[in-house]
């Protein structure tokens, strides 16, 4: 599976969703977007080979590539994705949900700090 961005003048085509990811049951991403699978626009040249200490897998591509991680035990919002939800946040429910969750976490942090 090729995860690299295609070269195309039309950005909607370049950032089009290309494949599904399986969402890890019971994880942070699952609590945000539901059980999945979801379609994503995976655009990257690098991927995780060995999961770092303290990271949890949140989603994987059909070829096994880790597409999303979270920081286990984090006190704040700590989700990393290998795709570009910002491109479709206005029209794609899972992308919008990620940004809504991030915004809610930012507001909660602000409120805790006073």
C-alpha atoms as a PDB file:
ATOM      1  CA  UNK A   1       0.000   0.000   0.000  1.00  0.00           C
ATOM      2  CA  UNK A   2       1.434   3.351  -1.024  1.00  0.00           C
ATOM      3  CA  UNK A   3       0.812   6.011   1.638  1.00  0.00           C
ATOM      4  CA  UNK A   4       2.565   8.843  -0.216  1.00  0.00           C
ATOM      5  CA  UNK A   5       0.659  11.851  -1.508  1.00  0.00           C
ATOM      6  CA  UNK A   6      -0.165  11.764  -5.182  1.00  0.00           C
ATOM      7  CA  UNK A   7       0.938  14.691  -7.316  1.00  0.00           C
ATOM      8  CA  UNK A   8      -2.120  16.522  -8.575  1.00  0.00           C
ATOM      9  CA  UNK A   9      -3.011  20.153  -9.258  1.00  0.00           C
ATOM     10  CA  UNK A  10      -6.455  19.735  -7.680  1.00  0.00           C
ATOM     11  CA  UNK A  11      -5.936  19.700  -3.900  1.00  0.00           C
ATOM     12  CA  UNK A  12      -9.284  17.945  -3.360  1.00  0.00           C
ATOM     13  CA  UNK A  13      -7.948  15.062  -5.453  1.00  0.00           C
ATOM     14  CA  UNK A  14      -4.531  15.144  -3.779  1.00  0.00           C
ATOM     15  CA  UNK A  15      -6.122  14.977  -0.307  1.00  0.00           C
ATOM     16  CA  UNK A  16      -8.933  12.579  -1.238  1.00  0.00           C
ATOM     17  CA  UNK A  17      -9.598   9.729   1.154  1.00  0.00           C
ATOM     18  CA  UNK A  18      -7.767   6.670  -0.123  1.00  0.00           C
ATOM     19  CA  UNK A  19      -8.299   3.831   2.336  1.00  0.00           C
ATOM     20  CA  UNK A  20      -9.936   2.731   5.553  1.00  0.00           C
ATOM     21  CA  UNK A  21      -8.307   2.362   8.939  1.00  0.00           C
ATOM     22  CA  UNK A  22      -9.309   0.002  11.704  1.00  0.00           C
ATOM     23  CA  UNK A  23      -9.907   1.842  14.962  1.00  0.00           C
ATOM     24  CA  UNK A  24      -8.561   0.272  18.164  1.00  0.00           C
ATOM     25  CA  UNK A  25     -11.459  -0.709  20.388  1.00  0.00           C
ATOM     26  CA  UNK A  26     -11.627   1.215  23.666  1.00  0.00           C
ATOM     27  CA  UNK A  27      -9.004   3.773  22.637  1.00  0.00           C
ATOM     28  CA  UNK A  28      -9.074   7.558  22.565  1.00  0.00           C
ATOM     29  CA  UNK A  29      -9.778   7.726  18.839  1.00  0.00           C
ATOM     30  CA  UNK A  30     -12.648   5.262  19.218  1.00  0.00           C
ATOM     31  CA  UNK A  31     -14.173   7.490  21.895  1.00  0.00           C
ATOM     32  CA  UNK A  32     -14.005  10.397  19.429  1.00  0.00           C
ATOM     33  CA  UNK A  33     -15.045   8.891  16.083  1.00  0.00           C
ATOM     34  CA  UNK A  34     -16.746   5.671  17.122  1.00  0.00           C
ATOM     35  CA  UNK A  35     -15.734   2.097  16.413  1.00  0.00           C
ATOM     36  CA  UNK A  36     -14.913   2.594  12.736  1.00  0.00           C
ATOM     37  CA  UNK A  37     -13.606   1.740  10.311  1.00  0.00           C
ATOM     38  CA  UNK A  38     -13.198   5.233   8.872  1.00  0.00           C
ATOM     39  CA  UNK A  39     -11.813   6.425   5.530  1.00  0.00           C
ATOM     40  CA  UNK A  40      -8.741   8.640   5.643  1.00  0.00           C
ATOM     41  CA  UNK A  41      -6.398  10.570   3.371  1.00  0.00           C
ATOM     42  CA  UNK A  42      -3.176   8.935   4.472  1.00  0.00           C
ATOM     43  CA  UNK A  43      -0.365  11.117   3.120  1.00  0.00           C
ATOM     44  CA  UNK A  44       3.062  10.383   4.505  1.00  0.00           C
ATOM     45  CA  UNK A  45       6.513   9.200   3.581  1.00  0.00           C
ATOM     46  CA  UNK A  46       7.404   7.891   7.009  1.00  0.00           C
ATOM     47  CA  UNK A  47       5.639   5.584   9.421  1.00  0.00           C
ATOM     48  CA  UNK A  48       6.149   4.121  12.863  1.00  0.00           C
ATOM     49  CA  UNK A  49       8.359   1.043  12.820  1.00  0.00           C
ATOM     50  CA  UNK A  50       8.567   0.416  16.572  1.00  0.00           C
ATOM     51  CA  UNK A  51       6.037   1.921  18.924  1.00  0.00           C
ATOM     52  CA  UNK A  52       7.714   4.230  21.430  1.00  0.00           C
ATOM     53  CA  UNK A  53       7.361   3.821  25.189  1.00  0.00           C
ATOM     54  CA  UNK A  54       4.109   5.260  26.443  1.00  0.00           C
ATOM     55  CA  UNK A  55       2.370   5.236  23.055  1.00  0.00           C
ATOM     56  CA  UNK A  56      -0.774   3.259  22.272  1.00  0.00           C
ATOM     57  CA  UNK A  57      -1.932   2.301  18.789  1.00  0.00           C
ATOM     58  CA  UNK A  58      -5.221   4.005  17.936  1.00  0.00           C
ATOM     59  CA  UNK A  59      -5.670   2.984  14.270  1.00  0.00           C
ATOM     60  CA  UNK A  60      -4.011   0.825  11.622  1.00  0.00           C
ATOM     61  CA  UNK A  61      -4.163   0.606   7.828  1.00  0.00           C
ATOM     62  CA  UNK A  62      -4.995  -2.671   6.067  1.00  0.00           C
ATOM     63  CA  UNK A  63      -1.252  -3.246   5.480  1.00  0.00           C
ATOM     64  CA  UNK A  64      -0.556  -2.936   9.227  1.00  0.00           C
ATOM     65  CA  UNK A  65       0.849   0.591   9.110  1.00  0.00           C
ATOM     66  CA  UNK A  66       0.148   2.429  12.353  1.00  0.00           C
ATOM     67  CA  UNK A  67      -1.967   5.422  11.347  1.00  0.00           C
ATOM     68  CA  UNK A  68      -2.782   6.912  14.759  1.00  0.00           C
ATOM     69  CA  UNK A  69      -1.311   6.863  18.270  1.00  0.00           C
ATOM     70  CA  UNK A  70      -2.071   8.326  21.658  1.00  0.00           C
ATOM     71  CA  UNK A  71       0.022   8.908  24.758  1.00  0.00           C
ATOM     72  CA  UNK A  72      -1.028   6.412  27.419  1.00  0.00           C
ATOM     73  CA  UNK A  73      -1.988   8.095  30.672  1.00  0.00           C
ATOM     74  CA  UNK A  74      -1.732  11.599  29.248  1.00  0.00           C
ATOM     75  CA  UNK A  75      -3.287  14.346  31.367  1.00  0.00           C
ATOM     76  CA  UNK A  76      -4.367  16.178  28.212  1.00  0.00           C
ATOM     77  CA  UNK A  77      -5.344  15.610  24.614  1.00  0.00           C
ATOM     78  CA  UNK A  78      -2.510  13.579  23.076  1.00  0.00           C
ATOM     79  CA  UNK A  79      -3.548  12.063  19.747  1.00  0.00           C
ATOM     80  CA  UNK A  80      -1.346  11.842  16.677  1.00  0.00           C
ATOM     81  CA  UNK A  81      -2.607  10.858  13.237  1.00  0.00           C
ATOM     82  CA  UNK A  82      -0.805  10.068   9.973  1.00  0.00           C
ATOM     83  CA  UNK A  83      -3.473  11.744   7.849  1.00  0.00           C
ATOM     84  CA  UNK A  84      -4.911  15.208   7.296  1.00  0.00           C
ATOM     85  CA  UNK A  85      -8.300  15.569   9.011  1.00  0.00           C
ATOM     86  CA  UNK A  86      -8.015  19.349   8.696  1.00  0.00           C
ATOM     87  CA  UNK A  87      -8.622  19.124   4.948  1.00  0.00           C
ATOM     88  CA  UNK A  88     -12.078  17.542   5.319  1.00  0.00           C
ATOM     89  CA  UNK A  89     -13.111  18.838   8.767  1.00  0.00           C
ATOM     90  CA  UNK A  90     -16.024  20.802   7.299  1.00  0.00           C
ATOM     91  CA  UNK A  91     -17.551  17.851   5.414  1.00  0.00           C
ATOM     92  CA  UNK A  92     -16.309  14.600   6.998  1.00  0.00           C
ATOM     93  CA  UNK A  93     -17.835  13.560  10.336  1.00  0.00           C
ATOM     94  CA  UNK A  94     -14.764  11.735  11.752  1.00  0.00           C
ATOM     95  CA  UNK A  95     -12.467  14.634  10.792  1.00  0.00           C
ATOM     96  CA  UNK A  96     -14.836  17.141  12.384  1.00  0.00           C
ATOM     97  CA  UNK A  97     -15.106  14.992  15.511  1.00  0.00           C
ATOM     98  CA  UNK A  98     -11.310  15.007  15.964  1.00  0.00           C
ATOM     99  CA  UNK A  99     -11.242  18.806  15.839  1.00  0.00           C
ATOM    100  CA  UNK A 100     -14.270  19.111  18.111  1.00  0.00           C
ATOM    101  CA  UNK A 101     -12.577  16.840  20.678  1.00  0.00           C
ATOM    102  CA  UNK A 102      -9.363  18.855  20.474  1.00  0.00           C
ATOM    103  CA  UNK A 103     -11.290  22.109  20.911  1.00  0.00           C
ATOM    104  CA  UNK A 104     -13.172  20.707  23.901  1.00  0.00           C
ATOM    105  CA  UNK A 105      -9.875  19.588  25.468  1.00  0.00           C
ATOM    106  CA  UNK A 106      -8.408  23.069  24.953  1.00  0.00           C
ATOM    107  CA  UNK A 107     -11.423  24.708  26.587  1.00  0.00           C
ATOM    108  CA  UNK A 108     -11.293  22.260  29.514  1.00  0.00           C
ATOM    109  CA  UNK A 109      -7.602  23.027  29.998  1.00  0.00           C
ATOM    110  CA  UNK A 110      -8.313  26.761  29.928  1.00  0.00           C
ATOM    111  CA  UNK A 111     -11.115  26.371  32.479  1.00  0.00           C
ATOM    112  CA  UNK A 112      -8.917  24.334  34.823  1.00  0.00           C
ATOM    113  CA  UNK A 113      -6.215  26.997  34.703  1.00  0.00           C
ATOM    114  CA  UNK A 114      -8.723  29.716  35.515  1.00  0.00           C
END
